[in-house]
Amino acid sequence: MMNHIDLSSVLRQTVACDLYSNLVTRPTGAAVRTQIERLLDDARERTLTVIDFSQVSMIDFSCADEVVAKLLMRYSADDSPQDAYFLFRGVNDDHRDAIESVLQRHGLAMALEQDDGVSLIGVLSDLERRAWNTAYERGPMSAVDIAMAIGAGSDETRDALDELVRRRLVMRIEDQYIAIGSARA
């Protein structure tokens, strides 16, 4: 199942103001994240949710922490309430500064869709990044095939892929790994 969440719409519903498009203050960020979590609570199966920043004018560090970091941490935890994956869209340079800062602080990474495709930003090992890039470029692959493609050992590649699955950057379906944002995700 795929969801699309326009953050500006969620923000307007949350603060009850049609003219407001800035994600600022921790309480606003927490309210927006809570609304996103409510929308996700309805899903009973694996979901890919596009979080769209296109109509958000600005986001400060506290909102980036509340909306992006806490959302990623909740759904990548071992006791995650659902099998939820995220693709972030419409992130501009002003948004990116705040978002990258909170990703660094919490050791997180996210899939970011831009005009030229999807890439990962945040904290990743070189092996995780190479494994994700290969799965993204080539489509669903086994860990052994990804290991051969990147010239790494099978066990260490499988460990990196399993970490990417835990972090919700790759889906695992049987023995195939699918990068978030790839044509088949």
C-alpha atoms as a PDB file:
ATOM      1  CA  MET A   1       0.000   0.000   0.000  1.00  0.00           C
ATOM      2  CA  MET A   2       1.218   3.522  -0.755  1.00  0.00           C
ATOM      3  CA  ASN A   3       0.246   6.737   1.054  1.00  0.00           C
ATOM      4  CA  HIS A   4       0.960  10.332   0.129  1.00  0.00           C
ATOM      5  CA  ILE A   5       1.040  12.843   2.952  1.00  0.00           C
ATOM      6  CA  ASP A   6       1.265  16.519   2.050  1.00  0.00           C
ATOM      7  CA  LEU A   7       2.843  18.110   5.123  1.00  0.00           C
ATOM      8  CA  SER A   8       1.358  21.523   4.369  1.00  0.00           C
ATOM      9  CA  SER A   9      -2.156  20.016   4.469  1.00  0.00           C
ATOM     10  CA  VAL A  10      -1.402  18.208   7.727  1.00  0.00           C
ATOM     11  CA  LEU A  11       0.061  21.432   9.106  1.00  0.00           C
ATOM     12  CA  ARG A  12      -3.015  23.455   8.117  1.00  0.00           C
ATOM     13  CA  GLN A  13      -5.318  20.868   9.729  1.00  0.00           C
ATOM     14  CA  THR A  14      -3.175  20.774  12.850  1.00  0.00           C
ATOM     15  CA  VAL A  15      -2.833  24.523  13.444  1.00  0.00           C
ATOM     16  CA  ALA A  16      -6.212  25.361  11.846  1.00  0.00           C
ATOM     17  CA  CYS A  17      -4.845  28.134   9.652  1.00  0.00           C
ATOM     18  CA  ASP A  18      -5.012  28.058   5.854  1.00  0.00           C
ATOM     19  CA  LEU A  19      -2.221  30.598   5.387  1.00  0.00           C
ATOM     20  CA  TYR A  20       0.405  28.904   7.533  1.00  0.00           C
ATOM     21  CA  SER A  21       3.104  26.886   5.751  1.00  0.00           C
ATOM     22  CA  ASN A  22       6.039  27.018   8.156  1.00  0.00           C
ATOM     23  CA  LEU A  23       6.978  24.047  10.304  1.00  0.00           C
ATOM     24  CA  VAL A  24       8.322  25.852  13.350  1.00  0.00           C
ATOM     25  CA  THR A  25       8.290  25.114  17.086  1.00  0.00           C
ATOM     26  CA  ARG A  26       8.520  21.751  18.754  1.00  0.00           C
ATOM     27  CA  PRO A  27       4.808  21.620  19.715  1.00  0.00           C
ATOM     28  CA  THR A  28       3.805  22.193  16.074  1.00  0.00           C
ATOM     29  CA  GLY A  29       6.183  19.461  14.922  1.00  0.00           C
ATOM     30  CA  ALA A  30       4.878  17.058  17.552  1.00  0.00           C
ATOM     31  CA  ALA A  31       1.273  17.764  16.515  1.00  0.00           C
ATOM     32  CA  VAL A  32       2.101  17.175  12.829  1.00  0.00           C
ATOM     33  CA  ARG A  33       3.955  13.932  13.613  1.00  0.00           C
ATOM     34  CA  THR A  34       1.061  12.722  15.762  1.00  0.00           C
ATOM     35  CA  GLN A  35      -1.344  13.363  12.878  1.00  0.00           C
ATOM     36  CA  ILE A  36       0.943  11.432  10.496  1.00  0.00           C
ATOM     37  CA  GLU A  37       1.061   8.543  12.977  1.00  0.00           C
ATOM     38  CA  ARG A  38      -2.752   8.548  13.141  1.00  0.00           C
ATOM     39  CA  LEU A  39      -2.926   8.330   9.353  1.00  0.00           C
ATOM     40  CA  LEU A  40      -0.488   5.415   9.428  1.00  0.00           C
ATOM     41  CA  ASP A  41      -2.393   3.634  12.210  1.00  0.00           C
ATOM     42  CA  ASP A  42      -5.103   2.735   9.701  1.00  0.00           C
ATOM     43  CA  ALA A  43      -2.680   0.639   7.642  1.00  0.00           C
ATOM     44  CA  ARG A  44      -2.713  -3.060   8.413  1.00  0.00           C
ATOM     45  CA  GLU A  45      -0.094  -4.099   5.872  1.00  0.00           C
ATOM     46  CA  ARG A  46       3.338  -2.977   4.671  1.00  0.00           C
ATOM     47  CA  THR A  47       3.135   0.667   3.601  1.00  0.00           C
ATOM     48  CA  LEU A  48       5.302   3.085   1.689  1.00  0.00           C
ATOM     49  CA  THR A  49       4.464   6.639   2.662  1.00  0.00           C
ATOM     50  CA  VAL A  50       5.614   9.655   0.690  1.00  0.00           C
ATOM     51  CA  ILE A  51       6.112  12.597   3.040  1.00  0.00           C
ATOM     52  CA  ASP A  52       5.833  15.661   0.808  1.00  0.00           C
ATOM     53  CA  PHE A  53       7.518  18.919   1.836  1.00  0.00           C
ATOM     54  CA  SER A  54       6.769  20.682  -1.493  1.00  0.00           C
ATOM     55  CA  GLN A  55       4.348  23.230  -0.034  1.00  0.00           C
ATOM     56  CA  VAL A  56       6.213  23.802   3.245  1.00  0.00           C
ATOM     57  CA  SER A  57       8.019  27.134   3.246  1.00  0.00           C
ATOM     58  CA  MET A  58      10.421  26.387   6.059  1.00  0.00           C
ATOM     59  CA  ILE A  59      11.218  23.892   8.783  1.00  0.00           C
ATOM     60  CA  ASP A  60      13.246  24.655  11.869  1.00  0.00           C
ATOM     61  CA  PHE A  61      15.496  22.232  13.761  1.00  0.00           C
ATOM     62  CA  SER A  62      12.932  21.410  16.445  1.00  0.00           C
ATOM     63  CA  CYS A  63      10.254  20.537  13.870  1.00  0.00           C
ATOM     64  CA  ALA A  64      12.737  18.509  11.829  1.00  0.00           C
ATOM     65  CA  ASP A  65      13.529  16.619  15.010  1.00  0.00           C
ATOM     66  CA  GLU A  66       9.846  16.041  15.817  1.00  0.00           C
ATOM     67  CA  VAL A  67       8.575  15.257  12.316  1.00  0.00           C
ATOM     68  CA  VAL A  68      11.509  13.520  10.627  1.00  0.00           C
ATOM     69  CA  ALA A  69      13.757  12.079  13.335  1.00  0.00           C
ATOM     70  CA  LYS A  70      11.077  10.879  15.752  1.00  0.00           C
ATOM     71  CA  LEU A  71       9.000   9.421  12.919  1.00  0.00           C
ATOM     72  CA  LEU A  72      12.001   7.478  11.596  1.00  0.00           C
ATOM     73  CA  MET A  73      12.994   6.334  15.081  1.00  0.00           C
ATOM     74  CA  ARG A  74       9.497   5.107  15.930  1.00  0.00           C
ATOM     75  CA  TYR A  75       9.100   2.979  12.825  1.00  0.00           C
ATOM     76  CA  SER A  76      12.648   1.608  12.786  1.00  0.00           C
ATOM     77  CA  ALA A  77      12.494   0.436  16.385  1.00  0.00           C
ATOM     78  CA  ASP A  78      12.355  -3.290  17.118  1.00  0.00           C
ATOM     79  CA  ASP A  79       8.869  -2.816  18.584  1.00  0.00           C
ATOM     80  CA  SER A  80       7.650  -0.742  15.629  1.00  0.00           C
ATOM     81  CA  PRO A  81       3.863  -0.623  15.426  1.00  0.00           C
ATOM     82  CA  GLN A  82       3.894  -1.344  11.675  1.00  0.00           C
ATOM     83  CA  ASP A  83       5.933  -2.290   8.658  1.00  0.00           C
ATOM     84  CA  ALA A  84       6.135   1.329   7.450  1.00  0.00           C
ATOM     85  CA  TYR A  85       8.632   2.810   4.991  1.00  0.00           C
ATOM     86  CA  PHE A  86       9.143   6.449   4.063  1.00  0.00           C
ATOM     87  CA  LEU A  87      10.185   8.395   0.993  1.00  0.00           C
ATOM     88  CA  PHE A  88      10.655  12.126   1.490  1.00  0.00           C
ATOM     89  CA  ARG A  89       9.830  14.446  -1.417  1.00  0.00           C
ATOM     90  CA  GLY A  90       9.969  18.191  -2.043  1.00  0.00           C
ATOM     91  CA  VAL A  91      12.841  18.860   0.349  1.00  0.00           C
ATOM     92  CA  ASN A  92      14.586  22.092  -0.670  1.00  0.00           C
ATOM     93  CA  ASP A  93      17.986  23.405   0.420  1.00  0.00           C
ATOM     94  CA  ASP A  94      16.508  25.326   3.363  1.00  0.00           C
ATOM     95  CA  HIS A  95      14.685  22.227   4.636  1.00  0.00           C
ATOM     96  CA  ARG A  96      17.716  20.065   4.044  1.00  0.00           C
ATOM     97  CA  ASP A  97      19.972  21.951   6.489  1.00  0.00           C
ATOM     98  CA  ALA A  98      17.641  21.310   9.435  1.00  0.00           C
ATOM     99  CA  ILE A  99      16.838  17.749   8.366  1.00  0.00           C
ATOM    100  CA  GLU A 100      20.463  16.710   7.824  1.00  0.00           C
ATOM    101  CA  SER A 101      21.385  18.153  11.202  1.00  0.00           C
ATOM    102  CA  VAL A 102      18.840  16.003  13.053  1.00  0.00           C
ATOM    103  CA  LEU A 103      19.723  12.931  10.988  1.00  0.00           C
ATOM    104  CA  GLN A 104      23.370  13.367  12.001  1.00  0.00           C
ATOM    105  CA  ARG A 105      22.510  13.958  15.650  1.00  0.00           C
ATOM    106  CA  HIS A 106      20.415  10.781  15.868  1.00  0.00           C
ATOM    107  CA  GLY A 107      22.478   8.592  13.521  1.00  0.00           C
ATOM    108  CA  LEU A 108      19.573   8.276  11.071  1.00  0.00           C
ATOM    109  CA  ALA A 109      19.217   8.180   7.294  1.00  0.00           C
ATOM    110  CA  MET A 110      16.314   8.695   4.922  1.00  0.00           C
ATOM    111  CA  ALA A 111      15.386   8.198   1.277  1.00  0.00           C
ATOM    112  CA  LEU A 112      15.061  11.536  -0.498  1.00  0.00           C
ATOM    113  CA  GLU A 113      13.334  11.853  -3.867  1.00  0.00           C
ATOM    114  CA  GLN A 114      14.537  14.664  -6.118  1.00  0.00           C
ATOM    115  CA  ASP A 115      14.125  15.451  -9.817  1.00  0.00           C
ATOM    116  CA  ASP A 116      17.075  13.233 -10.760  1.00  0.00           C
ATOM    117  CA  GLY A 117      15.984  10.206  -8.697  1.00  0.00           C
ATOM    118  CA  VAL A 118      16.206   8.971  -5.136  1.00  0.00           C
ATOM    119  CA  SER A 119      19.247   9.112  -2.891  1.00  0.00           C
ATOM    120  CA  LEU A 120      19.991   8.563   0.762  1.00  0.00           C
ATOM    121  CA  ILE A 121      21.007  11.315   3.147  1.00  0.00           C
ATOM    122  CA  GLY A 122      22.123  10.945   6.716  1.00  0.00           C
ATOM    123  CA  VAL A 123      24.386   8.540   8.544  1.00  0.00           C
ATOM    124  CA  LEU A 124      25.297   5.357   6.637  1.00  0.00           C
ATOM    125  CA  SER A 125      28.324   3.160   6.320  1.00  0.00           C
ATOM    126  CA  ASP A 126      30.010   2.986   2.935  1.00  0.00           C
ATOM    127  CA  LEU A 127      28.852  -0.622   2.557  1.00  0.00           C
ATOM    128  CA  GLU A 128      25.247   0.276   3.385  1.00  0.00           C
ATOM    129  CA  ARG A 129      25.314   3.098   0.832  1.00  0.00           C
ATOM    130  CA  ARG A 130      26.829   0.878  -1.897  1.00  0.00           C
ATOM    131  CA  ALA A 131      24.342  -1.935  -1.183  1.00  0.00           C
ATOM    132  CA  TRP A 132      21.390   0.480  -1.297  1.00  0.00           C
ATOM    133  CA  ASN A 133      22.628   2.137  -4.504  1.00  0.00           C
ATOM    134  CA  THR A 134      22.956  -1.251  -6.195  1.00  0.00           C
ATOM    135  CA  ALA A 135      19.470  -2.367  -5.120  1.00  0.00           C
ATOM    136  CA  TYR A 136      18.089   1.007  -6.231  1.00  0.00           C
ATOM    137  CA  GLU A 137      19.742   0.927  -9.642  1.00  0.00           C
ATOM    138  CA  ARG A 138      19.165  -2.743 -10.445  1.00  0.00           C
ATOM    139  CA  GLY A 139      15.859  -3.521  -8.732  1.00  0.00           C
ATOM    140  CA  PRO A 140      15.118  -6.471  -6.451  1.00  0.00           C
ATOM    141  CA  MET A 141      18.192  -8.601  -5.788  1.00  0.00           C
ATOM    142  CA  SER A 142      19.372 -11.230  -3.343  1.00  0.00           C
ATOM    143  CA  ALA A 143      22.079 -10.412  -0.814  1.00  0.00           C
ATOM    144  CA  VAL A 144      24.488 -12.704  -2.662  1.00  0.00           C
ATOM    145  CA  ASP A 145      23.877 -10.881  -5.955  1.00  0.00           C
ATOM    146  CA  ILE A 146      24.317  -7.486  -4.309  1.00  0.00           C
ATOM    147  CA  ALA A 147      27.532  -8.677  -2.624  1.00  0.00           C
ATOM    148  CA  MET A 148      28.921  -9.839  -5.966  1.00  0.00           C
ATOM    149  CA  ALA A 149      27.906  -6.568  -7.652  1.00  0.00           C
ATOM    150  CA  ILE A 150      29.686  -4.421  -5.055  1.00  0.00           C
ATOM    151  CA  GLY A 151      32.633  -6.738  -4.486  1.00  0.00           C
ATOM    152  CA  ALA A 152      31.947  -7.394  -0.814  1.00  0.00           C
ATOM    153  CA  GLY A 153      31.542 -10.513   1.301  1.00  0.00           C
ATOM    154  CA  SER A 154      28.120 -12.190   1.427  1.00  0.00           C
ATOM    155  CA  ASP A 155      27.815 -12.141   5.224  1.00  0.00           C
ATOM    156  CA  GLU A 156      28.818  -8.503   5.645  1.00  0.00           C
ATOM    157  CA  THR A 157      26.548  -7.475   2.762  1.00  0.00           C
ATOM    158  CA  ARG A 158      23.613  -9.381   4.269  1.00  0.00           C
ATOM    159  CA  ASP A 159      24.282  -7.667   7.619  1.00  0.00           C
ATOM    160  CA  ALA A 160      24.337  -4.246   5.909  1.00  0.00           C
ATOM    161  CA  LEU A 161      21.118  -5.027   4.027  1.00  0.00           C
ATOM    162  CA  ASP A 162      19.413  -6.245   7.190  1.00  0.00           C
ATOM    163  CA  GLU A 163      20.412  -2.986   8.882  1.00  0.00           C
ATOM    164  CA  LEU A 164      18.932  -1.067   5.931  1.00  0.00           C
ATOM    165  CA  VAL A 165      15.722  -3.095   6.345  1.00  0.00           C
ATOM    166  CA  ARG A 166      15.630  -2.274  10.058  1.00  0.00           C
ATOM    167  CA  ARG A 167      16.140   1.395   9.231  1.00  0.00           C
ATOM    168  CA  ARG A 168      13.298   1.182   6.684  1.00  0.00           C
ATOM    169  CA  LEU A 169      15.486   2.083   3.687  1.00  0.00           C
ATOM    170  CA  VAL A 170      15.148  -1.323   2.033  1.00  0.00           C
ATOM    171  CA  MET A 171      12.237  -3.762   1.944  1.00  0.00           C
ATOM    172  CA  ARG A 172      12.905  -7.463   2.182  1.00  0.00           C
ATOM    173  CA  ILE A 173      10.478  -9.727   0.381  1.00  0.00           C
ATOM    174  CA  GLU A 174      11.501 -13.364   0.764  1.00  0.00           C
ATOM    175  CA  ASP A 175      15.175 -13.383  -0.321  1.00  0.00           C
ATOM    176  CA  GLN A 176      14.972 -10.169  -2.384  1.00  0.00           C
ATOM    177  CA  TYR A 177      16.002  -6.718  -1.198  1.00  0.00           C
ATOM    178  CA  ILE A 178      14.232  -3.700  -2.718  1.00  0.00           C
ATOM    179  CA  ALA A 179      15.512  -0.169  -2.187  1.00  0.00           C
ATOM    180  CA  ILE A 180      12.934   2.410  -1.143  1.00  0.00           C
ATOM    181  CA  GLY A 181      12.251   4.649  -4.101  1.00  0.00           C
ATOM    182  CA  SER A 182      13.245   2.129  -6.742  1.00  0.00           C
ATOM    183  CA  ALA A 183      10.722   1.541  -9.498  1.00  0.00           C
ATOM    184  CA  ARG A 184       9.492  -1.646  -7.812  1.00  0.00           C
ATOM    185  CA  ALA A 185       9.299  -0.479  -4.183  1.00  0.00           C
END
